[in-house]
Amino acid sequence: MVDELSPEAVAELLDGEDPPLVVDVSTEAEFALGHVPGSINVPLSNLVSHLDRVADAERIVTVCPRGEASVQAVRLLSAYEGTEDARIESMAGGLAAWDGPLEEGIDEGERDGERR
């Protein structure tokens, strides 16, 4: 079973001292339209080939438009050797349930080939 966090719990974590790495598994076009501030974009279809972007994170919250693909992402990430010590959770309901602020635009870290 995949652990899920409410959008309110995610907002509290992001405001805390040690915020999680938020991984938005939406397509690049969906991500550009709006995403959780500070999140990185690793589309679900590319997740396996971009695992290096999440390696060594202590806590990861996956996000997608409706909360379905992010559950699949948790399963994939949980099986990855580089995240075996990480706490990995999905945001329940996805961006459709998120009442917090949204940023627009592409993931510049990925565009420049850098890890954020």
C-alpha atoms as a PDB file:
ATOM      1  CA  MET A   1       0.000   0.000   0.000  1.00  0.00           C
ATOM      2  CA  VAL A   2       1.214   3.493  -0.879  1.00  0.00           C
ATOM      3  CA  ASP A   3       1.361   6.194   1.787  1.00  0.00           C
ATOM      4  CA  GLU A   4      -0.600   9.294   0.851  1.00  0.00           C
ATOM      5  CA  LEU A   5      -0.533  12.758   2.371  1.00  0.00           C
ATOM      6  CA  SER A   6      -3.309  15.304   2.227  1.00  0.00           C
ATOM      7  CA  PRO A   7      -2.510  18.493   0.326  1.00  0.00           C
ATOM      8  CA  GLU A   8      -2.716  20.341   3.659  1.00  0.00           C
ATOM      9  CA  ALA A   9      -0.070  18.051   5.164  1.00  0.00           C
ATOM     10  CA  VAL A  10       2.169  18.639   2.143  1.00  0.00           C
ATOM     11  CA  ALA A  11       1.772  22.409   2.560  1.00  0.00           C
ATOM     12  CA  GLU A  12       2.797  22.098   6.227  1.00  0.00           C
ATOM     13  CA  LEU A  13       5.855  20.043   5.305  1.00  0.00           C
ATOM     14  CA  LEU A  14       6.877  22.595   2.680  1.00  0.00           C
ATOM     15  CA  ASP A  15       6.675  25.356   5.289  1.00  0.00           C
ATOM     16  CA  GLY A  16       8.785  23.319   7.738  1.00  0.00           C
ATOM     17  CA  GLU A  17      12.489  23.346   8.448  1.00  0.00           C
ATOM     18  CA  ASP A  18      13.294  20.295   6.301  1.00  0.00           C
ATOM     19  CA  PRO A  19      10.912  20.295   3.328  1.00  0.00           C
ATOM     20  CA  PRO A  20      10.607  17.193   1.174  1.00  0.00           C
ATOM     21  CA  LEU A  21      11.639  16.927  -2.447  1.00  0.00           C
ATOM     22  CA  VAL A  22       8.408  17.343  -4.405  1.00  0.00           C
ATOM     23  CA  VAL A  23       8.517  15.358  -7.644  1.00  0.00           C
ATOM     24  CA  ASP A  24       5.780  16.251 -10.112  1.00  0.00           C
ATOM     25  CA  VAL A  25       5.301  13.336 -12.493  1.00  0.00           C
ATOM     26  CA  SER A  26       3.040  15.290 -14.868  1.00  0.00           C
ATOM     27  CA  THR A  27       3.957  15.783 -18.486  1.00  0.00           C
ATOM     28  CA  GLU A  28       6.135  18.794 -19.230  1.00  0.00           C
ATOM     29  CA  ALA A  29       3.116  20.620 -20.698  1.00  0.00           C
ATOM     30  CA  GLU A  30       0.981  19.946 -17.597  1.00  0.00           C
ATOM     31  CA  PHE A  31       3.849  21.008 -15.320  1.00  0.00           C
ATOM     32  CA  ALA A  32       4.275  24.281 -17.230  1.00  0.00           C
ATOM     33  CA  LEU A  33       0.603  25.153 -16.666  1.00  0.00           C
ATOM     34  CA  GLY A  34       0.938  24.944 -12.887  1.00  0.00           C
ATOM     35  CA  HIS A  35       2.833  23.060 -10.196  1.00  0.00           C
ATOM     36  CA  VAL A  36       3.649  23.137  -6.495  1.00  0.00           C
ATOM     37  CA  PRO A  37       6.296  25.842  -5.955  1.00  0.00           C
ATOM     38  CA  GLY A  38       9.803  24.390  -5.789  1.00  0.00           C
ATOM     39  CA  SER A  39       8.833  21.030  -7.258  1.00  0.00           C
ATOM     40  CA  ILE A  40      10.867  19.310  -9.935  1.00  0.00           C
ATOM     41  CA  ASN A  41       9.335  17.777 -13.054  1.00  0.00           C
ATOM     42  CA  VAL A  42      10.127  14.175 -13.870  1.00  0.00           C
ATOM     43  CA  PRO A  43       7.305  12.836 -16.063  1.00  0.00           C
ATOM     44  CA  LEU A  44       6.208   9.346 -15.042  1.00  0.00           C
ATOM     45  CA  SER A  45       7.195   8.017 -18.473  1.00  0.00           C
ATOM     46  CA  ASN A  46      10.783   9.238 -17.854  1.00  0.00           C
ATOM     47  CA  LEU A  47      11.063   8.467 -14.146  1.00  0.00           C
ATOM     48  CA  VAL A  48      13.258   5.390 -14.447  1.00  0.00           C
ATOM     49  CA  SER A  49      15.767   7.158 -16.697  1.00  0.00           C
ATOM     50  CA  HIS A  50      15.930  10.193 -14.368  1.00  0.00           C
ATOM     51  CA  LEU A  51      16.217   8.477 -10.996  1.00  0.00           C
ATOM     52  CA  ASP A  52      19.458  10.340 -10.370  1.00  0.00           C
ATOM     53  CA  ARG A  53      17.390  13.510  -9.808  1.00  0.00           C
ATOM     54  CA  VAL A  54      15.798  11.990  -6.703  1.00  0.00           C
ATOM     55  CA  ALA A  55      18.633   9.831  -5.393  1.00  0.00           C
ATOM     56  CA  ASP A  56      19.736  10.591  -1.862  1.00  0.00           C
ATOM     57  CA  ALA A  57      16.598  12.593  -0.967  1.00  0.00           C
ATOM     58  CA  GLU A  58      15.472  11.866   2.586  1.00  0.00           C
ATOM     59  CA  ARG A  59      11.799  12.487   1.913  1.00  0.00           C
ATOM     60  CA  ILE A  60       9.974  12.559  -1.420  1.00  0.00           C
ATOM     61  CA  VAL A  61       6.398  13.576  -2.147  1.00  0.00           C
ATOM     62  CA  THR A  62       5.109  12.705  -5.607  1.00  0.00           C
ATOM     63  CA  VAL A  63       2.461  14.855  -7.277  1.00  0.00           C
ATOM     64  CA  CYS A  64       0.405  14.640 -10.472  1.00  0.00           C
ATOM     65  CA  PRO A  65      -2.774  16.271 -11.787  1.00  0.00           C
ATOM     66  CA  ARG A  66      -5.275  13.898 -10.132  1.00  0.00           C
ATOM     67  CA  GLY A  67      -3.295  11.758  -7.693  1.00  0.00           C
ATOM     68  CA  GLU A  68      -3.190   8.561  -9.744  1.00  0.00           C
ATOM     69  CA  ALA A  69       0.172   8.661 -11.538  1.00  0.00           C
ATOM     70  CA  SER A  70       1.848   9.846  -8.340  1.00  0.00           C
ATOM     71  CA  VAL A  71       0.832   6.580  -6.631  1.00  0.00           C
ATOM     72  CA  GLN A  72       2.532   4.650  -9.456  1.00  0.00           C
ATOM     73  CA  ALA A  73       5.582   6.875  -9.024  1.00  0.00           C
ATOM     74  CA  VAL A  74       5.797   5.987  -5.328  1.00  0.00           C
ATOM     75  CA  ARG A  75       5.827   2.303  -6.242  1.00  0.00           C
ATOM     76  CA  LEU A  76       8.576   2.828  -8.824  1.00  0.00           C
ATOM     77  CA  LEU A  77      10.692   5.005  -6.540  1.00  0.00           C
ATOM     78  CA  SER A  78      10.297   2.601  -3.628  1.00  0.00           C
ATOM     79  CA  ALA A  79      11.856  -0.154  -5.744  1.00  0.00           C
ATOM     80  CA  TYR A  80      14.872   1.980  -6.672  1.00  0.00           C
ATOM     81  CA  GLU A  81      18.137   1.266  -4.870  1.00  0.00           C
ATOM     82  CA  GLY A  82      19.035   4.960  -4.566  1.00  0.00           C
ATOM     83  CA  THR A  83      15.915   5.764  -2.548  1.00  0.00           C
ATOM     84  CA  GLU A  84      15.835   2.806  -0.166  1.00  0.00           C
ATOM     85  CA  ASP A  85      16.325   5.077   2.858  1.00  0.00           C
ATOM     86  CA  ALA A  86      13.861   7.737   1.727  1.00  0.00           C
ATOM     87  CA  ARG A  87      10.340   8.231   2.975  1.00  0.00           C
ATOM     88  CA  ILE A  88       8.252   8.332  -0.222  1.00  0.00           C
ATOM     89  CA  GLU A  89       4.620   9.452  -0.275  1.00  0.00           C
ATOM     90  CA  SER A  90       2.021  10.605  -2.778  1.00  0.00           C
ATOM     91  CA  MET A  91      -0.106  13.738  -2.435  1.00  0.00           C
ATOM     92  CA  ALA A  92      -3.710  12.523  -2.290  1.00  0.00           C
ATOM     93  CA  GLY A  93      -5.993  13.991  -4.940  1.00  0.00           C
ATOM     94  CA  GLY A  94      -3.133  15.543  -6.892  1.00  0.00           C
ATOM     95  CA  LEU A  95      -3.062  19.145  -8.006  1.00  0.00           C
ATOM     96  CA  ALA A  96      -6.847  19.072  -8.362  1.00  0.00           C
ATOM     97  CA  ALA A  97      -7.000  18.974  -4.533  1.00  0.00           C
ATOM     98  CA  TRP A  98      -4.157  21.473  -3.928  1.00  0.00           C
ATOM     99  CA  ASP A  99      -5.367  24.824  -2.583  1.00  0.00           C
ATOM    100  CA  GLY A 100      -1.905  26.314  -2.215  1.00  0.00           C
ATOM    101  CA  PRO A 101      -0.065  28.571  -4.632  1.00  0.00           C
ATOM    102  CA  LEU A 102       0.999  27.342  -8.054  1.00  0.00           C
ATOM    103  CA  GLU A 103       4.025  28.262 -10.122  1.00  0.00           C
ATOM    104  CA  GLU A 104       3.990  28.206 -13.892  1.00  0.00           C
ATOM    105  CA  GLY A 105       6.786  27.389 -16.319  1.00  0.00           C
ATOM    106  CA  ILE A 106       9.135  24.544 -17.090  1.00  0.00           C
ATOM    107  CA  ASP A 107      11.614  22.837 -14.780  1.00  0.00           C
ATOM    108  CA  GLU A 108      14.745  24.857 -15.528  1.00  0.00           C
ATOM    109  CA  GLY A 109      16.960  22.384 -13.667  1.00  0.00           C
ATOM    110  CA  GLU A 110      15.980  19.639 -16.069  1.00  0.00           C
ATOM    111  CA  ARG A 111      16.217  21.914 -19.102  1.00  0.00           C
ATOM    112  CA  ASP A 112      19.789  22.864 -18.185  1.00  0.00           C
ATOM    113  CA  GLY A 113      20.683  19.258 -17.378  1.00  0.00           C
ATOM    114  CA  GLU A 114      21.229  20.163 -13.728  1.00  0.00           C
ATOM    115  CA  ARG A 115      19.862  18.439 -10.686  1.00  0.00           C
ATOM    116  CA  ARG A 116      17.795  20.638  -8.398  1.00  0.00           C
END
